[in-house]
C-alpha atoms as a PDB file:
ATOM      1  CA  MET A   1     -31.251   3.456  41.954  1.00  0.00           C
ATOM      2  CA  THR A   2     -33.702   0.582  41.520  1.00  0.00           C
ATOM      3  CA  VAL A   3     -35.211  -1.627  44.202  1.00  0.00           C
ATOM      4  CA  ALA A   4     -32.959  -4.500  43.130  1.00  0.00           C
ATOM      5  CA  ASP A   5     -29.828  -2.374  43.695  1.00  0.00           C
ATOM      6  CA  ASN A   6     -30.643  -2.255  47.429  1.00  0.00           C
ATOM      7  CA  ASP A   7     -31.056  -6.030  47.721  1.00  0.00           C
ATOM      8  CA  GLU A   8     -27.731  -7.804  48.225  1.00  0.00           C
ATOM      9  CA  GLY A   9     -29.357 -11.170  47.500  1.00  0.00           C
ATOM     10  CA  THR A  10     -30.598 -10.121  44.071  1.00  0.00           C
ATOM     11  CA  PRO A  11     -28.735 -11.688  41.119  1.00  0.00           C
ATOM     12  CA  VAL A  12     -26.594  -9.121  39.340  1.00  0.00           C
ATOM     13  CA  SER A  13     -28.348  -9.862  36.039  1.00  0.00           C
ATOM     14  CA  VAL A  14     -31.641  -8.772  37.605  1.00  0.00           C
ATOM     15  CA  LYS A  15     -30.069  -5.546  38.875  1.00  0.00           C
ATOM     16  CA  ILE A  16     -28.722  -4.706  35.424  1.00  0.00           C
ATOM     17  CA  ARG A  17     -32.008  -5.632  33.763  1.00  0.00           C
ATOM     18  CA  GLU A  18     -33.996  -3.405  36.131  1.00  0.00           C
ATOM     19  CA  ARG A  19     -31.707  -0.446  35.445  1.00  0.00           C
ATOM     20  CA  LEU A  20     -32.243  -0.927  31.718  1.00  0.00           C
ATOM     21  CA  LYS A  21     -36.013  -1.137  32.135  1.00  0.00           C
ATOM     22  CA  ALA A  22     -36.077   1.897  34.424  1.00  0.00           C
ATOM     23  CA  SER A  23     -34.232   3.868  31.749  1.00  0.00           C
ATOM     24  CA  ARG A  24     -36.481   2.410  29.043  1.00  0.00           C
ATOM     25  CA  GLN A  25     -33.429   1.133  27.229  1.00  0.00           C
ATOM     26  CA  ARG A  26     -33.566  -1.776  24.829  1.00  0.00           C
ATOM     27  CA  PHE A  27     -31.352  -4.750  25.648  1.00  0.00           C
ATOM     28  CA  HIS A  28     -31.594  -7.002  22.621  1.00  0.00           C
ATOM     29  CA  SER A  29     -28.807  -9.460  21.908  1.00  0.00           C
ATOM     30  CA  ASN A  30     -26.949  -6.980  19.674  1.00  0.00           C
ATOM     31  CA  ASP A  31     -27.274  -3.978  22.009  1.00  0.00           C
ATOM     32  CA  ASN A  32     -24.416  -2.620  24.099  1.00  0.00           C
ATOM     33  CA  ILE A  33     -25.363  -2.389  27.791  1.00  0.00           C
ATOM     34  CA  ALA A  34     -22.017  -1.316  29.271  1.00  0.00           C
ATOM     35  CA  GLU A  35     -23.471   1.966  30.545  1.00  0.00           C
ATOM     36  CA  PHE A  36     -25.712   0.026  32.940  1.00  0.00           C
ATOM     37  CA  ILE A  37     -23.030  -2.261  34.402  1.00  0.00           C
ATOM     38  CA  GLN A  38     -21.383  -0.971  37.571  1.00  0.00           C
ATOM     39  CA  PRO A  39     -17.741  -1.631  38.583  1.00  0.00           C
ATOM     40  CA  GLY A  40     -17.253  -5.228  39.726  1.00  0.00           C
ATOM     41  CA  GLU A  41     -20.566  -6.443  38.335  1.00  0.00           C
ATOM     42  CA  LEU A  42     -19.078  -8.075  35.256  1.00  0.00           C
ATOM     43  CA  ASP A  43     -17.109 -10.450  37.512  1.00  0.00           C
ATOM     44  CA  ALA A  44     -20.299 -11.212  39.459  1.00  0.00           C
ATOM     45  CA  LEU A  45     -22.134 -11.771  36.172  1.00  0.00           C
ATOM     46  CA  LEU A  46     -19.412 -14.215  35.140  1.00  0.00           C
ATOM     47  CA  ASP A  47     -20.046 -16.208  38.336  1.00  0.00           C
ATOM     48  CA  GLU A  48     -23.797 -16.161  37.710  1.00  0.00           C
ATOM     49  CA  VAL A  49     -23.501 -17.291  34.093  1.00  0.00           C
ATOM     50  CA  THR A  50     -21.113 -20.071  35.176  1.00  0.00           C
ATOM     51  CA  VAL A  51     -23.764 -21.464  37.524  1.00  0.00           C
ATOM     52  CA  LYS A  52     -26.444 -21.263  34.818  1.00  0.00           C
ATOM     53  CA  MET A  53     -24.145 -22.892  32.264  1.00  0.00           C
ATOM     54  CA  GLN A  54     -23.408 -25.706  34.699  1.00  0.00           C
ATOM     55  CA  GLY A  55     -27.168 -26.224  34.910  1.00  0.00           C
ATOM     56  CA  VAL A  56     -27.322 -26.541  31.122  1.00  0.00           C
ATOM     57  CA  LEU A  57     -24.582 -29.191  31.146  1.00  0.00           C
ATOM     58  CA  ASP A  58     -26.352 -31.050  33.959  1.00  0.00           C
ATOM     59  CA  SER A  59     -29.623 -30.993  32.004  1.00  0.00           C
ATOM     60  CA  MET A  60     -27.760 -32.400  28.994  1.00  0.00           C
ATOM     61  CA  VAL A  61     -26.735 -35.320  31.225  1.00  0.00           C
ATOM     62  CA  ILE A  62     -23.007 -34.628  31.016  1.00  0.00           C
ATOM     63  CA  ASP A  63     -21.076 -35.962  33.997  1.00  0.00           C
ATOM     64  CA  THR A  64     -18.842 -32.970  34.656  1.00  0.00           C
ATOM     65  CA  GLU A  65     -17.812 -34.363  38.050  1.00  0.00           C
ATOM     66  CA  ASN A  66     -16.058 -37.367  36.563  1.00  0.00           C
ATOM     67  CA  ASP A  67     -15.368 -36.255  32.980  1.00  0.00           C
ATOM     68  CA  HIS A  68     -12.047 -34.395  33.113  1.00  0.00           C
ATOM     69  CA  ASN A  69     -12.733 -32.853  29.682  1.00  0.00           C
ATOM     70  CA  THR A  70     -15.815 -30.973  30.896  1.00  0.00           C
ATOM     71  CA  ALA A  71     -14.916 -30.323  34.533  1.00  0.00           C
ATOM     72  CA  ASP A  72     -14.324 -26.601  33.900  1.00  0.00           C
ATOM     73  CA  THR A  73     -16.422 -26.204  30.762  1.00  0.00           C
ATOM     74  CA  ALA A  74     -19.151 -24.136  32.429  1.00  0.00           C
ATOM     75  CA  ARG A  75     -16.636 -21.515  33.539  1.00  0.00           C
ATOM     76  CA  ARG A  76     -14.791 -21.545  30.228  1.00  0.00           C
ATOM     77  CA  VAL A  77     -17.998 -21.044  28.242  1.00  0.00           C
ATOM     78  CA  ALA A  78     -19.227 -18.281  30.564  1.00  0.00           C
ATOM     79  CA  LYS A  79     -15.880 -16.484  30.251  1.00  0.00           C
ATOM     80  CA  MET A  80     -15.879 -16.934  26.484  1.00  0.00           C
ATOM     81  CA  TYR A  81     -19.334 -15.395  26.128  1.00  0.00           C
ATOM     82  CA  LEU A  82     -18.830 -12.435  28.466  1.00  0.00           C
ATOM     83  CA  THR A  83     -15.203 -11.477  27.846  1.00  0.00           C
ATOM     84  CA  GLU A  84     -14.499 -12.691  24.323  1.00  0.00           C
ATOM     85  CA  VAL A  85     -17.115 -13.480  21.669  1.00  0.00           C
ATOM     86  CA  PHE A  86     -19.886 -11.271  23.103  1.00  0.00           C
ATOM     87  CA  LYS A  87     -17.603  -8.680  24.681  1.00  0.00           C
ATOM     88  CA  GLY A  88     -19.147  -5.996  22.483  1.00  0.00           C
ATOM     89  CA  ARG A  89     -22.281  -6.083  24.638  1.00  0.00           C
ATOM     90  CA  TYR A  90     -20.554  -5.484  27.965  1.00  0.00           C
ATOM     91  CA  VAL A  91     -17.730  -2.987  27.396  1.00  0.00           C
ATOM     92  CA  GLN A  92     -17.664   0.588  26.187  1.00  0.00           C
ATOM     93  CA  GLY A  93     -16.744   1.212  22.570  1.00  0.00           C
ATOM     94  CA  PRO A  94     -13.081   1.577  21.571  1.00  0.00           C
ATOM     95  CA  ALA A  95     -11.474   4.975  21.865  1.00  0.00           C
ATOM     96  CA  VAL A  96     -11.349   6.531  18.399  1.00  0.00           C
ATOM     97  CA  THR A  97      -8.952   9.444  18.023  1.00  0.00           C
ATOM     98  CA  GLU A  98     -10.190  11.832  15.356  1.00  0.00           C
ATOM     99  CA  PHE A  99      -8.083  14.325  13.417  1.00  0.00           C
ATOM    100  CA  PRO A 100      -9.200  17.209  11.192  1.00  0.00           C
ATOM    101  CA  ASN A 101      -8.969  16.699   7.441  1.00  0.00           C
ATOM    102  CA  ALA A 102      -6.123  19.208   7.129  1.00  0.00           C
ATOM    103  CA  GLU A 103      -5.294  18.258   3.523  1.00  0.00           C
ATOM    104  CA  HIS A 104      -8.957  18.419   2.436  1.00  0.00           C
ATOM    105  CA  LEU A 105      -8.881  14.839   1.177  1.00  0.00           C
ATOM    106  CA  ASN A 106     -11.904  14.036  -0.970  1.00  0.00           C
ATOM    107  CA  GLU A 107     -10.991  10.856  -2.838  1.00  0.00           C
ATOM    108  CA  LEU A 108     -12.415   7.392  -2.266  1.00  0.00           C
ATOM    109  CA  MET A 109     -10.662   5.461   0.494  1.00  0.00           C
ATOM    110  CA  ILE A 110     -11.221   1.731   1.019  1.00  0.00           C
ATOM    111  CA  VAL A 111     -10.293  -0.231   4.143  1.00  0.00           C
ATOM    112  CA  GLY A 112     -10.317  -4.018   4.069  1.00  0.00           C
ATOM    113  CA  PRO A 113     -10.656  -6.833   4.087  1.00  0.00           C
ATOM    114  CA  ILE A 114     -11.181  -6.732   7.847  1.00  0.00           C
ATOM    115  CA  THR A 115     -11.714 -10.196   9.283  1.00  0.00           C
ATOM    116  CA  VAL A 116     -14.761 -10.216  11.557  1.00  0.00           C
ATOM    117  CA  ARG A 117     -16.132 -12.839  13.914  1.00  0.00           C
ATOM    118  CA  SER A 118     -19.602 -12.889  15.371  1.00  0.00           C
ATOM    119  CA  ALA A 119     -22.365 -15.345  16.228  1.00  0.00           C
ATOM    120  CA  CYS A 120     -25.889 -15.606  14.906  1.00  0.00           C
ATOM    121  CA  SER A 121     -28.491 -14.651  17.481  1.00  0.00           C
ATOM    122  CA  HIS A 122     -30.705 -17.574  16.445  1.00  0.00           C
ATOM    123  CA  HIS A 123     -28.404 -20.478  17.344  1.00  0.00           C
ATOM    124  CA  LEU A 124     -25.291 -18.740  18.771  1.00  0.00           C
ATOM    125  CA  CYS A 125     -23.272 -20.401  16.013  1.00  0.00           C
ATOM    126  CA  PRO A 126     -20.162 -18.652  14.664  1.00  0.00           C
ATOM    127  CA  VAL A 127     -20.332 -16.160  11.812  1.00  0.00           C
ATOM    128  CA  VAL A 128     -16.923 -15.556  10.259  1.00  0.00           C
ATOM    129  CA  GLY A 129     -16.222 -13.277   7.345  1.00  0.00           C
ATOM    130  CA  GLN A 130     -14.725 -10.121   5.934  1.00  0.00           C
ATOM    131  CA  VAL A 131     -15.778  -6.488   5.758  1.00  0.00           C
ATOM    132  CA  TRP A 132     -14.762  -3.772   3.294  1.00  0.00           C
ATOM    133  CA  ILE A 133     -15.386  -0.127   4.138  1.00  0.00           C
ATOM    134  CA  GLY A 134     -15.435   2.667   1.588  1.00  0.00           C
ATOM    135  CA  VAL A 135     -15.325   6.292   2.727  1.00  0.00           C
ATOM    136  CA  LEU A 136     -15.611   9.420   0.610  1.00  0.00           C
ATOM    137  CA  PRO A 137     -14.427  12.243   2.901  1.00  0.00           C
ATOM    138  CA  ASN A 138     -14.932  15.966   2.638  1.00  0.00           C
ATOM    139  CA  GLU A 139     -13.018  18.873   4.156  1.00  0.00           C
ATOM    140  CA  HIS A 140     -15.041  18.574   7.368  1.00  0.00           C
ATOM    141  CA  THR A 141     -14.696  14.787   7.672  1.00  0.00           C
ATOM    142  CA  ASN A 142     -12.792  13.513  10.698  1.00  0.00           C
ATOM    143  CA  VAL A 143      -9.790  11.351   9.821  1.00  0.00           C
ATOM    144  CA  ILE A 144      -9.204   8.243  11.940  1.00  0.00           C
ATOM    145  CA  GLY A 145      -6.449   5.622  11.942  1.00  0.00           C
ATOM    146  CA  LEU A 146      -6.921   2.524   9.817  1.00  0.00           C
ATOM    147  CA  SER A 147      -6.748   0.229  12.847  1.00  0.00           C
ATOM    148  CA  LYS A 148      -9.712   2.062  14.368  1.00  0.00           C
ATOM    149  CA  PHE A 149     -11.992   0.776  11.620  1.00  0.00           C
ATOM    150  CA  ALA A 150     -11.041  -2.765  12.649  1.00  0.00           C
ATOM    151  CA  ARG A 151     -11.614  -1.930  16.334  1.00  0.00           C
ATOM    152  CA  MET A 152     -15.068  -0.555  15.612  1.00  0.00           C
ATOM    153  CA  ALA A 153     -15.949  -3.601  13.519  1.00  0.00           C
ATOM    154  CA  GLU A 154     -14.754  -5.932  16.276  1.00  0.00           C
ATOM    155  CA  TRP A 155     -16.859  -4.104  18.879  1.00  0.00           C
ATOM    156  CA  ILE A 156     -20.026  -4.212  16.776  1.00  0.00           C
ATOM    157  CA  MET A 157     -19.583  -7.812  15.671  1.00  0.00           C
ATOM    158  CA  GLY A 158     -18.774  -9.024  19.207  1.00  0.00           C
ATOM    159  CA  ARG A 159     -22.458  -9.582  19.984  1.00  0.00           C
ATOM    160  CA  PRO A 160     -25.072 -12.144  18.955  1.00  0.00           C
ATOM    161  CA  GLN A 161     -26.070 -10.661  15.600  1.00  0.00           C
ATOM    162  CA  ILE A 162     -27.773 -11.141  12.313  1.00  0.00           C
ATOM    163  CA  GLN A 163     -25.546  -9.985   9.493  1.00  0.00           C
ATOM    164  CA  GLU A 164     -28.018  -7.509   8.004  1.00  0.00           C
ATOM    165  CA  GLU A 165     -28.333  -5.586  11.282  1.00  0.00           C
ATOM    166  CA  ALA A 166     -24.625  -5.789  12.114  1.00  0.00           C
ATOM    167  CA  VAL A 167     -23.621  -3.969   8.930  1.00  0.00           C
ATOM    168  CA  VAL A 168     -26.163  -1.209   9.609  1.00  0.00           C
ATOM    169  CA  GLN A 169     -24.860  -0.795  13.178  1.00  0.00           C
ATOM    170  CA  LEU A 170     -21.288  -0.547  11.903  1.00  0.00           C
ATOM    171  CA  ALA A 171     -22.315   2.013   9.287  1.00  0.00           C
ATOM    172  CA  ASP A 172     -24.089   4.109  11.929  1.00  0.00           C
ATOM    173  CA  LEU A 173     -20.983   4.089  14.145  1.00  0.00           C
ATOM    174  CA  ILE A 174     -18.564   5.043  11.363  1.00  0.00           C
ATOM    175  CA  GLN A 175     -20.959   7.735  10.151  1.00  0.00           C
ATOM    176  CA  GLU A 176     -21.091   9.163  13.674  1.00  0.00           C
ATOM    177  CA  LYS A 177     -17.311   9.178  14.064  1.00  0.00           C
ATOM    178  CA  THR A 178     -16.304  10.517  10.640  1.00  0.00           C
ATOM    179  CA  SER A 179     -19.279  12.329   9.002  1.00  0.00           C
ATOM    180  CA  PRO A 180     -18.184  11.603   5.405  1.00  0.00           C
ATOM    181  CA  ASP A 181     -19.989  12.567   2.200  1.00  0.00           C
ATOM    182  CA  GLY A 182     -20.390   8.890   1.458  1.00  0.00           C
ATOM    183  CA  LEU A 183     -20.030   5.569   3.226  1.00  0.00           C
ATOM    184  CA  ALA A 184     -20.198   2.059   1.788  1.00  0.00           C
ATOM    185  CA  ILE A 185     -19.813  -1.265   3.588  1.00  0.00           C
ATOM    186  CA  VAL A 186     -19.836  -4.773   2.159  1.00  0.00           C
ATOM    187  CA  MET A 187     -19.734  -7.884   4.326  1.00  0.00           C
ATOM    188  CA  GLU A 188     -19.239 -11.462   3.162  1.00  0.00           C
ATOM    189  CA  ALA A 189     -19.500 -14.219   5.758  1.00  0.00           C
ATOM    190  CA  THR A 190     -19.890 -17.913   6.351  1.00  0.00           C
ATOM    191  CA  HIS A 191     -22.631 -18.864   8.799  1.00  0.00           C
ATOM    192  CA  PHE A 192     -22.092 -21.988  10.868  1.00  0.00           C
ATOM    193  CA  CYS A 193     -25.814 -22.164  11.622  1.00  0.00           C
ATOM    194  CA  MET A 194     -26.086 -23.185   7.966  1.00  0.00           C
ATOM    195  CA  GLY A 195     -22.870 -25.178   7.624  1.00  0.00           C
ATOM    196  CA  TRP A 196     -22.638 -26.852  11.029  1.00  0.00           C
ATOM    197  CA  ARG A 197     -26.341 -27.700  11.337  1.00  0.00           C
ATOM    198  CA  GLY A 198     -29.431 -27.476   9.148  1.00  0.00           C
ATOM    199  CA  VAL A 199     -28.540 -28.093   5.507  1.00  0.00           C
ATOM    200  CA  LYS A 200     -24.838 -28.436   6.441  1.00  0.00           C
ATOM    201  CA  ASP A 201     -23.603 -26.395   3.481  1.00  0.00           C
ATOM    202  CA  MET A 202     -20.244 -24.838   4.366  1.00  0.00           C
ATOM    203  CA  ASP A 203     -19.705 -23.406   0.882  1.00  0.00           C
ATOM    204  CA  SER A 204     -22.564 -20.912   1.005  1.00  0.00           C
ATOM    205  CA  LYS A 205     -21.849 -17.341   1.995  1.00  0.00           C
ATOM    206  CA  MET A 206     -24.003 -14.333   2.693  1.00  0.00           C
ATOM    207  CA  ILE A 207     -23.083 -10.994   1.131  1.00  0.00           C
ATOM    208  CA  ASN A 208     -24.806  -7.740   1.986  1.00  0.00           C
ATOM    209  CA  SER A 209     -24.068  -4.051   1.805  1.00  0.00           C
ATOM    210  CA  VAL A 210     -25.002  -0.653   3.157  1.00  0.00           C
ATOM    211  CA  MET A 211     -24.624   2.480   1.048  1.00  0.00           C
ATOM    212  CA  ARG A 212     -24.916   5.996   2.467  1.00  0.00           C
ATOM    213  CA  GLY A 213     -24.714   9.504   1.016  1.00  0.00           C
ATOM    214  CA  VAL A 214     -23.147   9.889  -2.423  1.00  0.00           C
ATOM    215  CA  PHE A 215     -22.768   6.123  -2.819  1.00  0.00           C
ATOM    216  CA  LEU A 216     -26.553   6.011  -3.139  1.00  0.00           C
ATOM    217  CA  LYS A 217     -26.700   8.892  -5.625  1.00  0.00           C
ATOM    218  CA  ASP A 218     -23.649   8.261  -7.805  1.00  0.00           C
ATOM    219  CA  PRO A 219     -23.687   4.873  -9.611  1.00  0.00           C
ATOM    220  CA  ASN A 220     -20.167   5.444 -10.969  1.00  0.00           C
ATOM    221  CA  LEU A 221     -18.751   5.849  -7.466  1.00  0.00           C
ATOM    222  CA  ARG A 222     -20.635   2.787  -6.317  1.00  0.00           C
ATOM    223  CA  ARG A 223     -19.256   0.759  -9.234  1.00  0.00           C
ATOM    224  CA  GLU A 224     -15.727   2.007  -8.519  1.00  0.00           C
ATOM    225  CA  PHE A 225     -15.970   0.888  -4.898  1.00  0.00           C
ATOM    226  CA  LEU A 226     -17.372  -2.545  -5.749  1.00  0.00           C
ATOM    227  CA  SER A 227     -14.801  -3.095  -8.529  1.00  0.00           C
ATOM    228  CA  LEU A 228     -11.905  -2.388  -6.136  1.00  0.00           C
ATOM    229  CA  ILE A 229     -12.980  -4.967  -3.563  1.00  0.00           C
ATOM    230  CA  PRO A 230     -10.804  -8.102  -4.048  1.00  0.00           C
ATOM    231  CA  ARG A 231     -13.449 -10.556  -2.845  1.00  0.00           C
ATOM    232  CA  LYS A 232     -12.576 -14.245  -2.800  1.00  0.00           C
ATOM    233  CA  GLY A 233     -16.101 -15.385  -3.626  1.00  0.00           C
END
């Protein structure tokens, strides 16, 4: 227990932050910190973020007292960040039921496209795209339901991210859960930080990939995976 935990007047964000620091745990924008949030604290954090968000609106000279359109905006935005778009930071990962590979499947399996939604950690602008996952199992590989791949992607992407790191995090999670001979992930996304601001180019997309195991060693397998992805771009 930290010093802040004993102080009832301490903001809940400070309590959580001190627990993280005491455990020497990183808490970057794309890290999950659910382990350090105690029961009831997420509701208290929602109240705290609401107050801070109201301060942002006040500093932007928006009359939330008389403007009916923004009267509850601070609360709505706080709730959106904590319980929706950045939920992947504050809740434990989805339960993933694993089954033994009883039939000794060892052929390429592709899941996708999975629609993913995130936000860039630079401007908190939306990132919307699709992910394709290729798995080459072996007799020891755990088999998981197709919907679980989407749940894992949603959990990883539900944090302020940069696309390059998000795909690596997703690959690490799937590798941990399934232990395949090979894993390949391709993500294609539109970034609103480029289309909504800056150069304002909504047609540009970013495509990146992560290859693990035999996908790195076998160019034919890699080509097969990439040729089977029905990308729009």
